Amino acid sequence: MTKSITVLLFFAITLMSFDDSKGDRNDRFNRQKVLSSNFLIGSWEGTLKNNPFKIVIETVNGNKLSGYNLFGKNSREVEGFVAEYAIEGDGECVDDDDGGVIPVLLKEPGDKKGDGYFQLTFKKCHQSKYARGTYKSHYDDFSGEVELDKK
């Protein structure tokens, strides 16, 4: 009986000391996901290993992304996610500070020899929106720098 009362007392004290500001943090996180969604969706054009390249992000559902990329005449589906530590920023540049980046991992299906994955960091700063990162093939040594701007 004493153990039951002690356990109940422990839970009561824990609930009373619950920091209600976490609700605000969760609301902020939900707003940031909406901002991220609006920011990431669309066409991103630039280069992969100095060759013309394009990624189109069609959907964002929570932290999951999907779309396709175009490299030369090849079009491949991509899907991936926003890394968890992006919770702190919505991609917005603040006084040219690096705190507002959105790290993303995108993967191609893997059923063709040239398929691989992208590690990109998306950012919007003043009037520009851009992504920088790398591509690495799963099956061969093809890899390179990716530089994209939102179109």
C-alpha atoms as a PDB file:
ATOM      1  CA  MET A   1       0.000   0.000   0.000  1.00  0.00           C
ATOM      2  CA  THR A   2       2.813   2.400   0.884  1.00  0.00           C
ATOM      3  CA  LYS A   3       4.559   1.707  -2.446  1.00  0.00           C
ATOM      4  CA  SER A   4       1.334   2.510  -4.351  1.00  0.00           C
ATOM      5  CA  ILE A   5       0.928   5.809  -2.521  1.00  0.00           C
ATOM      6  CA  THR A   6       4.601   6.659  -3.119  1.00  0.00           C
ATOM      7  CA  VAL A   7       4.256   5.945  -6.843  1.00  0.00           C
ATOM      8  CA  LEU A   8       1.050   8.010  -7.072  1.00  0.00           C
ATOM      9  CA  LEU A   9       2.693  10.857  -5.171  1.00  0.00           C
ATOM     10  CA  PHE A  10       5.700  10.730  -7.522  1.00  0.00           C
ATOM     11  CA  PHE A  11       3.431  10.981 -10.595  1.00  0.00           C
ATOM     12  CA  ALA A  12       1.439  13.823  -9.031  1.00  0.00           C
ATOM     13  CA  ILE A  13       4.608  15.815  -8.322  1.00  0.00           C
ATOM     14  CA  THR A  14       5.888  15.102 -11.826  1.00  0.00           C
ATOM     15  CA  LEU A  15       2.653  16.347 -13.379  1.00  0.00           C
ATOM     16  CA  MET A  16       2.628  19.493 -11.227  1.00  0.00           C
ATOM     17  CA  SER A  17       6.194  20.313 -12.228  1.00  0.00           C
ATOM     18  CA  PHE A  18       5.479  19.758 -15.944  1.00  0.00           C
ATOM     19  CA  ASP A  19       6.815  22.693 -17.943  1.00  0.00           C
ATOM     20  CA  ASP A  20       3.839  23.971 -19.905  1.00  0.00           C
ATOM     21  CA  SER A  21       6.125  25.937 -22.231  1.00  0.00           C
ATOM     22  CA  LYS A  22       6.693  22.685 -24.139  1.00  0.00           C
ATOM     23  CA  GLY A  23       3.258  23.204 -25.664  1.00  0.00           C
ATOM     24  CA  ASP A  24       4.547  26.454 -27.161  1.00  0.00           C
ATOM     25  CA  ARG A  25       7.616  24.635 -28.467  1.00  0.00           C
ATOM     26  CA  ASN A  26       5.395  22.010 -30.140  1.00  0.00           C
ATOM     27  CA  ASP A  27       3.279  24.767 -31.706  1.00  0.00           C
ATOM     28  CA  ARG A  28       6.463  26.438 -32.952  1.00  0.00           C
ATOM     29  CA  PHE A  29       7.647  23.100 -34.400  1.00  0.00           C
ATOM     30  CA  ASN A  30       4.331  22.613 -36.218  1.00  0.00           C
ATOM     31  CA  ARG A  31       4.516  26.135 -37.663  1.00  0.00           C
ATOM     32  CA  GLN A  32       8.102  25.526 -38.770  1.00  0.00           C
ATOM     33  CA  LYS A  33       7.084  22.348 -40.582  1.00  0.00           C
ATOM     34  CA  VAL A  34       4.465  24.389 -42.476  1.00  0.00           C
ATOM     35  CA  LEU A  35       7.071  27.038 -43.328  1.00  0.00           C
ATOM     36  CA  SER A  36       9.479  24.297 -44.406  1.00  0.00           C
ATOM     37  CA  SER A  37       6.800  22.725 -46.572  1.00  0.00           C
ATOM     38  CA  ASN A  38       6.041  25.952 -48.385  1.00  0.00           C
ATOM     39  CA  PHE A  39       9.710  26.721 -48.782  1.00  0.00           C
ATOM     40  CA  LEU A  40      10.871  23.299 -50.047  1.00  0.00           C
ATOM     41  CA  ILE A  41       8.087  22.554 -52.539  1.00  0.00           C
ATOM     42  CA  GLY A  42       8.931  23.556 -56.089  1.00  0.00           C
ATOM     43  CA  SER A  43      11.646  23.472 -58.703  1.00  0.00           C
ATOM     44  CA  TRP A  44      15.329  23.748 -57.741  1.00  0.00           C
ATOM     45  CA  GLU A  45      17.725  24.185 -60.674  1.00  0.00           C
ATOM     46  CA  GLY A  46      21.489  24.317 -60.902  1.00  0.00           C
ATOM     47  CA  THR A  47      24.343  21.888 -61.343  1.00  0.00           C
ATOM     48  CA  LEU A  48      25.512  18.441 -60.310  1.00  0.00           C
ATOM     49  CA  LYS A  49      29.229  18.073 -60.888  1.00  0.00           C
ATOM     50  CA  ASN A  50      29.075  21.197 -63.095  1.00  0.00           C
ATOM     51  CA  ASN A  51      26.368  19.692 -65.353  1.00  0.00           C
ATOM     52  CA  PRO A  52      22.791  21.038 -65.591  1.00  0.00           C
ATOM     53  CA  PHE A  53      20.615  19.460 -62.909  1.00  0.00           C
ATOM     54  CA  LYS A  54      17.132  19.910 -61.458  1.00  0.00           C
ATOM     55  CA  ILE A  55      15.219  18.615 -58.438  1.00  0.00           C
ATOM     56  CA  VAL A  56      11.468  19.111 -58.150  1.00  0.00           C
ATOM     57  CA  ILE A  57       9.974  18.587 -54.701  1.00  0.00           C
ATOM     58  CA  GLU A  58       6.295  17.816 -55.192  1.00  0.00           C
ATOM     59  CA  THR A  59       5.125  16.905 -51.703  1.00  0.00           C
ATOM     60  CA  VAL A  60       6.121  17.425 -48.110  1.00  0.00           C
ATOM     61  CA  ASN A  61       4.226  15.446 -45.489  1.00  0.00           C
ATOM     62  CA  GLY A  62       5.607  16.117 -42.016  1.00  0.00           C
ATOM     63  CA  ASN A  63       9.315  15.583 -42.442  1.00  0.00           C
ATOM     64  CA  LYS A  64       8.969  13.340 -45.550  1.00  0.00           C
ATOM     65  CA  LEU A  65       9.600  14.636 -49.072  1.00  0.00           C
ATOM     66  CA  SER A  66       8.999  13.254 -52.536  1.00  0.00           C
ATOM     67  CA  GLY A  67       9.514  14.372 -56.108  1.00  0.00           C
ATOM     68  CA  TYR A  68      11.920  13.733 -58.961  1.00  0.00           C
ATOM     69  CA  ASN A  69      15.200  14.906 -60.447  1.00  0.00           C
ATOM     70  CA  LEU A  70      16.445  15.519 -63.987  1.00  0.00           C
ATOM     71  CA  PHE A  71      20.059  14.949 -65.008  1.00  0.00           C
ATOM     72  CA  GLY A  72      20.629  15.065 -68.749  1.00  0.00           C
ATOM     73  CA  LYS A  73      17.817  13.015 -70.291  1.00  0.00           C
ATOM     74  CA  ASN A  74      17.371  10.902 -67.151  1.00  0.00           C
ATOM     75  CA  SER A  75      14.486  11.492 -64.770  1.00  0.00           C
ATOM     76  CA  ARG A  76      14.445   9.646 -61.428  1.00  0.00           C
ATOM     77  CA  GLU A  77      12.006   9.673 -58.546  1.00  0.00           C
ATOM     78  CA  VAL A  78      13.389  10.825 -55.207  1.00  0.00           C
ATOM     79  CA  GLU A  79      12.074  10.564 -51.692  1.00  0.00           C
ATOM     80  CA  GLY A  80      13.574  11.419 -48.376  1.00  0.00           C
ATOM     81  CA  PHE A  81      13.227  13.405 -45.211  1.00  0.00           C
ATOM     82  CA  VAL A  82      14.141  16.576 -43.375  1.00  0.00           C
ATOM     83  CA  ALA A  83      16.727  15.778 -40.712  1.00  0.00           C
ATOM     84  CA  GLU A  84      15.440  16.038 -37.130  1.00  0.00           C
ATOM     85  CA  TYR A  85      17.810  18.777 -36.081  1.00  0.00           C
ATOM     86  CA  ALA A  86      16.092  21.116 -38.553  1.00  0.00           C
ATOM     87  CA  ILE A  87      13.463  21.717 -35.873  1.00  0.00           C
ATOM     88  CA  GLU A  88      15.442  24.749 -34.710  1.00  0.00           C
ATOM     89  CA  GLY A  89      15.180  26.641 -37.991  1.00  0.00           C
ATOM     90  CA  ASP A  90      12.780  27.134 -40.845  1.00  0.00           C
ATOM     91  CA  GLY A  91      15.445  27.865 -43.448  1.00  0.00           C
ATOM     92  CA  GLU A  92      15.201  31.609 -42.929  1.00  0.00           C
ATOM     93  CA  CYS A  93      18.458  33.523 -42.895  1.00  0.00           C
ATOM     94  CA  VAL A  94      18.821  35.673 -39.791  1.00  0.00           C
ATOM     95  CA  ASP A  95      21.474  38.393 -40.076  1.00  0.00           C
ATOM     96  CA  ASP A  96      23.508  36.166 -42.407  1.00  0.00           C
ATOM     97  CA  ASP A  97      23.697  33.586 -39.625  1.00  0.00           C
ATOM     98  CA  ASP A  98      23.857  29.865 -40.452  1.00  0.00           C
ATOM     99  CA  GLY A  99      21.136  28.957 -37.939  1.00  0.00           C
ATOM    100  CA  GLY A 100      18.302  28.695 -40.454  1.00  0.00           C
ATOM    101  CA  VAL A 101      19.332  25.773 -42.624  1.00  0.00           C
ATOM    102  CA  ILE A 102      17.135  22.790 -43.468  1.00  0.00           C
ATOM    103  CA  PRO A 103      19.184  19.606 -43.928  1.00  0.00           C
ATOM    104  CA  VAL A 104      17.554  17.073 -46.269  1.00  0.00           C
ATOM    105  CA  LEU A 105      18.417  13.543 -47.401  1.00  0.00           C
ATOM    106  CA  LEU A 106      16.894  12.423 -50.737  1.00  0.00           C
ATOM    107  CA  LYS A 107      17.307   8.951 -52.277  1.00  0.00           C
ATOM    108  CA  GLU A 108      16.675   7.581 -55.748  1.00  0.00           C
ATOM    109  CA  PRO A 109      14.900   4.179 -55.956  1.00  0.00           C
ATOM    110  CA  GLY A 110      18.079   2.108 -56.319  1.00  0.00           C
ATOM    111  CA  ASP A 111      16.909  -0.098 -59.180  1.00  0.00           C
ATOM    112  CA  LYS A 112      19.251   1.465 -61.791  1.00  0.00           C
ATOM    113  CA  LYS A 113      23.025   1.522 -61.887  1.00  0.00           C
ATOM    114  CA  GLY A 114      23.366   5.296 -61.516  1.00  0.00           C
ATOM    115  CA  ASP A 115      20.987   5.674 -58.550  1.00  0.00           C
ATOM    116  CA  GLY A 116      22.241   7.205 -55.345  1.00  0.00           C
ATOM    117  CA  TYR A 117      21.433   9.756 -52.692  1.00  0.00           C
ATOM    118  CA  PHE A 118      21.641  13.499 -52.056  1.00  0.00           C
ATOM    119  CA  GLN A 119      22.637  15.261 -48.863  1.00  0.00           C
ATOM    120  CA  LEU A 120      21.441  18.832 -49.266  1.00  0.00           C
ATOM    121  CA  THR A 121      21.077  21.906 -47.105  1.00  0.00           C
ATOM    122  CA  PHE A 122      18.261  24.273 -48.084  1.00  0.00           C
ATOM    123  CA  LYS A 123      18.273  27.912 -47.074  1.00  0.00           C
ATOM    124  CA  LYS A 124      16.493  31.142 -47.884  1.00  0.00           C
ATOM    125  CA  CYS A 125      18.323  34.364 -47.263  1.00  0.00           C
ATOM    126  CA  HIS A 126      16.914  37.760 -48.236  1.00  0.00           C
ATOM    127  CA  GLN A 127      15.653  37.332 -51.811  1.00  0.00           C
ATOM    128  CA  SER A 128      17.580  34.152 -52.654  1.00  0.00           C
ATOM    129  CA  LYS A 129      16.571  30.553 -51.986  1.00  0.00           C
ATOM    130  CA  TYR A 130      19.201  27.904 -52.531  1.00  0.00           C
ATOM    131  CA  ALA A 131      20.424  24.396 -51.725  1.00  0.00           C
ATOM    132  CA  ARG A 132      23.973  23.100 -51.563  1.00  0.00           C
ATOM    133  CA  GLY A 133      25.282  19.620 -50.929  1.00  0.00           C
ATOM    134  CA  THR A 134      26.521  16.390 -52.456  1.00  0.00           C
ATOM    135  CA  TYR A 135      25.412  13.405 -54.502  1.00  0.00           C
ATOM    136  CA  LYS A 136      26.841   9.889 -54.168  1.00  0.00           C
ATOM    137  CA  SER A 137      25.968   6.916 -56.374  1.00  0.00           C
ATOM    138  CA  HIS A 138      25.235   3.589 -54.673  1.00  0.00           C
ATOM    139  CA  TYR A 139      26.830   1.491 -57.431  1.00  0.00           C
ATOM    140  CA  ASP A 140      29.833   3.306 -58.824  1.00  0.00           C
ATOM    141  CA  ASP A 141      32.222   6.095 -57.953  1.00  0.00           C
ATOM    142  CA  PHE A 142      30.093   8.873 -59.418  1.00  0.00           C
ATOM    143  CA  SER A 143      29.736  11.663 -56.905  1.00  0.00           C
ATOM    144  CA  GLY A 144      29.803  15.413 -56.950  1.00  0.00           C
ATOM    145  CA  GLU A 145      28.824  18.767 -55.574  1.00  0.00           C
ATOM    146  CA  VAL A 146      25.243  19.959 -56.023  1.00  0.00           C
ATOM    147  CA  GLU A 147      24.330  23.650 -56.228  1.00  0.00           C
ATOM    148  CA  LEU A 148      20.686  24.617 -56.736  1.00  0.00           C
ATOM    149  CA  ASP A 149      18.583  27.779 -56.728  1.00  0.00           C
ATOM    150  CA  LYS A 150      14.813  27.922 -56.333  1.00  0.00           C
ATOM    151  CA  LYS A 151      13.015  28.766 -59.587  1.00  0.00           C
END
